[in-house]
């Protein structure tokens, strides 16, 4: 059995470009570290952040 490649999923929801850029930087660092990265970005107004 082979080991699975580490992965991360990033969902970015903000109407502020700076916040989206910061989240995208996290994804780019993870990608360069060899992780599989999935990113969803939206700039909708009135978005709410859901934390788990």
Protein backbone atom coordinates (compact mmCIF):
# COMPACT_ATOMS: atom_id res chain seq x y z
CA UNK A 1 0.00 0.00 0.00
CA UNK A 2 1.45 3.36 -0.99
CA UNK A 3 1.28 6.46 1.17
CA UNK A 4 -1.17 9.14 0.10
CA UNK A 5 0.13 12.54 -0.88
CA UNK A 6 -0.77 15.15 1.79
CA UNK A 7 -3.46 17.54 0.62
CA UNK A 8 -5.20 20.73 1.69
CA UNK A 9 -8.47 22.35 0.63
CA UNK A 10 -8.74 26.13 0.91
CA UNK A 11 -12.00 28.09 0.60
CA UNK A 12 -11.58 31.86 0.39
CA UNK A 13 -14.63 34.14 0.71
CA UNK A 14 -14.11 37.87 1.04
CA UNK A 15 -14.76 41.13 -0.75
CA UNK A 16 -11.28 42.30 0.29
CA UNK A 17 -8.54 41.45 -2.19
CA UNK A 18 -5.84 41.52 0.51
CA UNK A 19 -7.50 38.69 2.44
CA UNK A 20 -7.86 36.58 -0.70
CA UNK A 21 -4.23 37.21 -1.56
CA UNK A 22 -3.08 36.10 1.90
CA UNK A 23 -5.06 32.87 1.58
CA UNK A 24 -3.68 32.24 -1.89
CA UNK A 25 -0.15 32.63 -0.51
CA UNK A 26 -0.86 29.86 2.00
CA UNK A 27 -1.89 27.64 -0.91
CA UNK A 28 1.21 28.46 -2.91
CA UNK A 29 3.50 27.63 0.03
CA UNK A 30 1.69 24.33 0.56
CA UNK A 31 2.00 23.52 -3.14
CA UNK A 32 5.73 24.22 -3.16
CA UNK A 33 6.03 21.92 -0.13
CA UNK A 34 4.70 19.06 -2.23
CA UNK A 35 1.10 19.07 -1.04
CA UNK A 36 -1.89 18.69 -3.35
CA UNK A 37 -3.86 21.96 -3.09
CA UNK A 38 -7.49 22.65 -4.04
CA UNK A 39 -8.61 26.29 -3.85
CA UNK A 40 -12.05 27.88 -4.24
CA UNK A 41 -12.19 31.70 -4.29
CA UNK A 42 -15.21 34.00 -4.32
CA UNK A 43 -15.57 37.76 -3.88
CA UNK A 44 -19.27 37.83 -3.03
CA UNK A 45 -20.61 40.65 -0.87
CA UNK A 46 -21.82 39.82 2.63
CA UNK A 47 -20.03 36.50 2.85
CA UNK A 48 -19.72 34.75 6.21
CA UNK A 49 -16.78 32.67 7.33
CA UNK A 50 -17.62 29.23 8.70
CA UNK A 51 -15.05 27.72 11.07
CA UNK A 52 -14.90 24.12 12.20
